[in-house]
Amino acid sequence: MKITFDIDCTPQEARTLMGLPDLEPLHELYLERMRGFITEGLTPADFERLARNWLPGMADGFEKWRSVFLGGAGKTKS
Protein backbone atom coordinates (compact mmCIF):
# COMPACT_ATOMS: atom_id res chain seq x y z
CA MET A 1 0.00 0.00 0.00
CA LYS A 2 1.28 3.46 -0.87
CA ILE A 3 -0.04 6.68 0.66
CA THR A 4 1.00 10.12 -0.54
CA PHE A 5 0.26 13.56 0.82
CA ASP A 6 0.41 16.79 -1.12
CA ILE A 7 1.00 19.83 1.05
CA ASP A 8 0.44 23.19 -0.55
CA CYS A 9 2.50 25.79 1.31
CA THR A 10 5.01 28.55 0.78
CA PRO A 11 8.74 27.97 1.29
CA GLN A 12 8.55 29.95 4.56
CA GLU A 13 5.70 27.76 5.79
CA ALA A 14 7.61 24.62 4.81
CA ARG A 15 10.70 25.75 6.76
CA THR A 16 8.52 26.45 9.81
CA LEU A 17 6.80 23.07 9.46
CA MET A 18 10.18 21.30 9.33
CA GLY A 19 11.50 23.28 12.33
CA LEU A 20 14.24 25.04 10.41
CA PRO A 21 15.46 28.44 11.64
CA ASP A 22 14.35 31.65 9.98
CA LEU A 23 17.45 32.90 8.14
CA GLU A 24 15.71 35.73 6.31
CA PRO A 25 17.33 38.50 8.44
CA LEU A 26 20.77 37.00 7.77
CA HIS A 27 19.97 36.72 4.06
CA GLU A 28 18.90 40.39 3.93
CA LEU A 29 22.12 41.45 5.69
CA TYR A 30 24.17 39.44 3.17
CA LEU A 31 22.31 40.97 0.22
CA GLU A 32 22.77 44.49 1.58
CA ARG A 33 26.51 43.90 1.94
CA MET A 34 26.75 42.54 -1.62
CA ARG A 35 24.85 45.59 -2.90
CA GLY A 36 27.40 47.77 -1.12
CA PHE A 37 30.28 45.96 -2.82
CA ILE A 38 28.60 46.43 -6.20
CA THR A 39 27.86 50.14 -5.76
CA GLU A 40 30.98 51.18 -3.84
CA GLY A 41 33.49 48.64 -5.11
CA LEU A 42 36.15 46.88 -3.08
CA THR A 43 38.31 49.07 -0.90
CA PRO A 44 41.97 48.24 -0.29
CA ALA A 45 41.00 47.05 3.21
CA ASP A 46 38.42 44.66 1.71
CA PHE A 47 41.01 43.36 -0.74
CA GLU A 48 43.50 42.87 2.11
CA ARG A 49 41.01 40.81 4.14
CA LEU A 50 40.14 38.68 1.11
CA ALA A 51 43.79 38.09 0.23
CA ARG A 52 44.68 37.14 3.81
CA ASN A 53 41.85 34.59 3.82
CA TRP A 54 42.68 33.20 0.38
CA LEU A 55 46.46 33.18 0.84
CA PRO A 56 47.16 32.60 4.55
CA GLY A 57 50.80 31.68 3.94
CA MET A 58 51.49 34.93 2.14
CA ALA A 59 51.27 37.20 5.22
CA ASP A 60 54.98 38.12 5.04
CA GLY A 61 54.94 39.05 1.38
CA PHE A 62 51.53 40.66 1.45
CA GLU A 63 52.76 44.23 1.01
CA LYS A 64 54.55 43.21 -2.18
CA TRP A 65 51.40 41.53 -3.54
CA ARG A 66 49.29 44.50 -2.50
CA SER A 67 51.52 46.97 -4.33
CA VAL A 68 51.48 44.78 -7.44
CA PHE A 69 47.69 44.47 -7.51
CA LEU A 70 46.92 48.07 -6.57
CA GLY A 71 49.61 49.37 -8.89
CA GLY A 72 48.04 47.43 -11.75
CA ALA A 73 44.65 48.89 -10.88
CA GLY A 74 46.04 52.43 -10.99
CA LYS A 75 45.63 53.01 -7.25
CA THR A 76 48.24 54.18 -4.82
CA LYS A 77 49.14 52.67 -1.48
CA SER A 78 47.19 54.23 1.40
C-alpha atoms as a PDB file:
ATOM      1  CA  MET A   1       0.000   0.000   0.000  1.00  0.00           C
ATOM      2  CA  LYS A   2       1.276   3.459  -0.872  1.00  0.00           C
ATOM      3  CA  ILE A   3      -0.037   6.678   0.656  1.00  0.00           C
ATOM      4  CA  THR A   4       1.002  10.124  -0.541  1.00  0.00           C
ATOM      5  CA  PHE A   5       0.263  13.560   0.825  1.00  0.00           C
ATOM      6  CA  ASP A   6       0.414  16.789  -1.117  1.00  0.00           C
ATOM      7  CA  ILE A   7       1.004  19.830   1.048  1.00  0.00           C
ATOM      8  CA  ASP A   8       0.436  23.195  -0.550  1.00  0.00           C
ATOM      9  CA  CYS A   9       2.502  25.792   1.311  1.00  0.00           C
ATOM     10  CA  THR A  10       5.010  28.554   0.776  1.00  0.00           C
ATOM     11  CA  PRO A  11       8.738  27.972   1.292  1.00  0.00           C
ATOM     12  CA  GLN A  12       8.553  29.953   4.562  1.00  0.00           C
ATOM     13  CA  GLU A  13       5.695  27.761   5.788  1.00  0.00           C
ATOM     14  CA  ALA A  14       7.610  24.620   4.808  1.00  0.00           C
ATOM     15  CA  ARG A  15      10.695  25.747   6.765  1.00  0.00           C
ATOM     16  CA  THR A  16       8.517  26.451   9.805  1.00  0.00           C
ATOM     17  CA  LEU A  17       6.798  23.075   9.462  1.00  0.00           C
ATOM     18  CA  MET A  18      10.185  21.302   9.329  1.00  0.00           C
ATOM     19  CA  GLY A  19      11.495  23.281  12.328  1.00  0.00           C
ATOM     20  CA  LEU A  20      14.243  25.040  10.407  1.00  0.00           C
ATOM     21  CA  PRO A  21      15.458  28.444  11.637  1.00  0.00           C
ATOM     22  CA  ASP A  22      14.353  31.651   9.975  1.00  0.00           C
ATOM     23  CA  LEU A  23      17.446  32.897   8.141  1.00  0.00           C
ATOM     24  CA  GLU A  24      15.713  35.731   6.309  1.00  0.00           C
ATOM     25  CA  PRO A  25      17.331  38.500   8.438  1.00  0.00           C
ATOM     26  CA  LEU A  26      20.769  37.003   7.766  1.00  0.00           C
ATOM     27  CA  HIS A  27      19.970  36.722   4.064  1.00  0.00           C
ATOM     28  CA  GLU A  28      18.900  40.387   3.930  1.00  0.00           C
ATOM     29  CA  LEU A  29      22.115  41.454   5.686  1.00  0.00           C
ATOM     30  CA  TYR A  30      24.165  39.441   3.166  1.00  0.00           C
ATOM     31  CA  LEU A  31      22.310  40.966   0.217  1.00  0.00           C
ATOM     32  CA  GLU A  32      22.773  44.487   1.581  1.00  0.00           C
ATOM     33  CA  ARG A  33      26.509  43.897   1.939  1.00  0.00           C
ATOM     34  CA  MET A  34      26.745  42.536  -1.615  1.00  0.00           C
ATOM     35  CA  ARG A  35      24.847  45.595  -2.900  1.00  0.00           C
ATOM     36  CA  GLY A  36      27.405  47.772  -1.122  1.00  0.00           C
ATOM     37  CA  PHE A  37      30.280  45.964  -2.821  1.00  0.00           C
ATOM     38  CA  ILE A  38      28.599  46.434  -6.196  1.00  0.00           C
ATOM     39  CA  THR A  39      27.855  50.142  -5.759  1.00  0.00           C
ATOM     40  CA  GLU A  40      30.976  51.182  -3.838  1.00  0.00           C
ATOM     41  CA  GLY A  41      33.485  48.639  -5.107  1.00  0.00           C
ATOM     42  CA  LEU A  42      36.147  46.884  -3.078  1.00  0.00           C
ATOM     43  CA  THR A  43      38.313  49.068  -0.899  1.00  0.00           C
ATOM     44  CA  PRO A  44      41.970  48.237  -0.292  1.00  0.00           C
ATOM     45  CA  ALA A  45      40.997  47.055   3.207  1.00  0.00           C
ATOM     46  CA  ASP A  46      38.422  44.657   1.711  1.00  0.00           C
ATOM     47  CA  PHE A  47      41.009  43.365  -0.735  1.00  0.00           C
ATOM     48  CA  GLU A  48      43.502  42.869   2.108  1.00  0.00           C
ATOM     49  CA  ARG A  49      41.006  40.812   4.138  1.00  0.00           C
ATOM     50  CA  LEU A  50      40.144  38.681   1.107  1.00  0.00           C
ATOM     51  CA  ALA A  51      43.785  38.095   0.232  1.00  0.00           C
ATOM     52  CA  ARG A  52      44.683  37.142   3.809  1.00  0.00           C
ATOM     53  CA  ASN A  53      41.849  34.593   3.818  1.00  0.00           C
ATOM     54  CA  TRP A  54      42.679  33.200   0.382  1.00  0.00           C
ATOM     55  CA  LEU A  55      46.463  33.177   0.843  1.00  0.00           C
ATOM     56  CA  PRO A  56      47.155  32.599   4.554  1.00  0.00           C
ATOM     57  CA  GLY A  57      50.798  31.679   3.945  1.00  0.00           C
ATOM     58  CA  MET A  58      51.494  34.935   2.135  1.00  0.00           C
ATOM     59  CA  ALA A  59      51.273  37.202   5.223  1.00  0.00           C
ATOM     60  CA  ASP A  60      54.981  38.116   5.040  1.00  0.00           C
ATOM     61  CA  GLY A  61      54.938  39.051   1.376  1.00  0.00           C
ATOM     62  CA  PHE A  62      51.529  40.665   1.447  1.00  0.00           C
ATOM     63  CA  GLU A  63      52.763  44.230   1.015  1.00  0.00           C
ATOM     64  CA  LYS A  64      54.550  43.208  -2.177  1.00  0.00           C
ATOM     65  CA  TRP A  65      51.401  41.528  -3.540  1.00  0.00           C
ATOM     66  CA  ARG A  66      49.293  44.501  -2.498  1.00  0.00           C
ATOM     67  CA  SER A  67      51.519  46.966  -4.327  1.00  0.00           C
ATOM     68  CA  VAL A  68      51.476  44.776  -7.444  1.00  0.00           C
ATOM     69  CA  PHE A  69      47.688  44.469  -7.506  1.00  0.00           C
ATOM     70  CA  LEU A  70      46.922  48.067  -6.568  1.00  0.00           C
ATOM     71  CA  GLY A  71      49.610  49.367  -8.892  1.00  0.00           C
ATOM     72  CA  GLY A  72      48.039  47.434 -11.749  1.00  0.00           C
ATOM     73  CA  ALA A  73      44.648  48.895 -10.883  1.00  0.00           C
ATOM     74  CA  GLY A  74      46.041  52.434 -10.986  1.00  0.00           C
ATOM     75  CA  LYS A  75      45.634  53.007  -7.249  1.00  0.00           C
ATOM     76  CA  THR A  76      48.244  54.175  -4.816  1.00  0.00           C
ATOM     77  CA  LYS A  77      49.143  52.669  -1.482  1.00  0.00           C
ATOM     78  CA  SER A  78      47.194  54.228   1.399  1.00  0.00           C
END
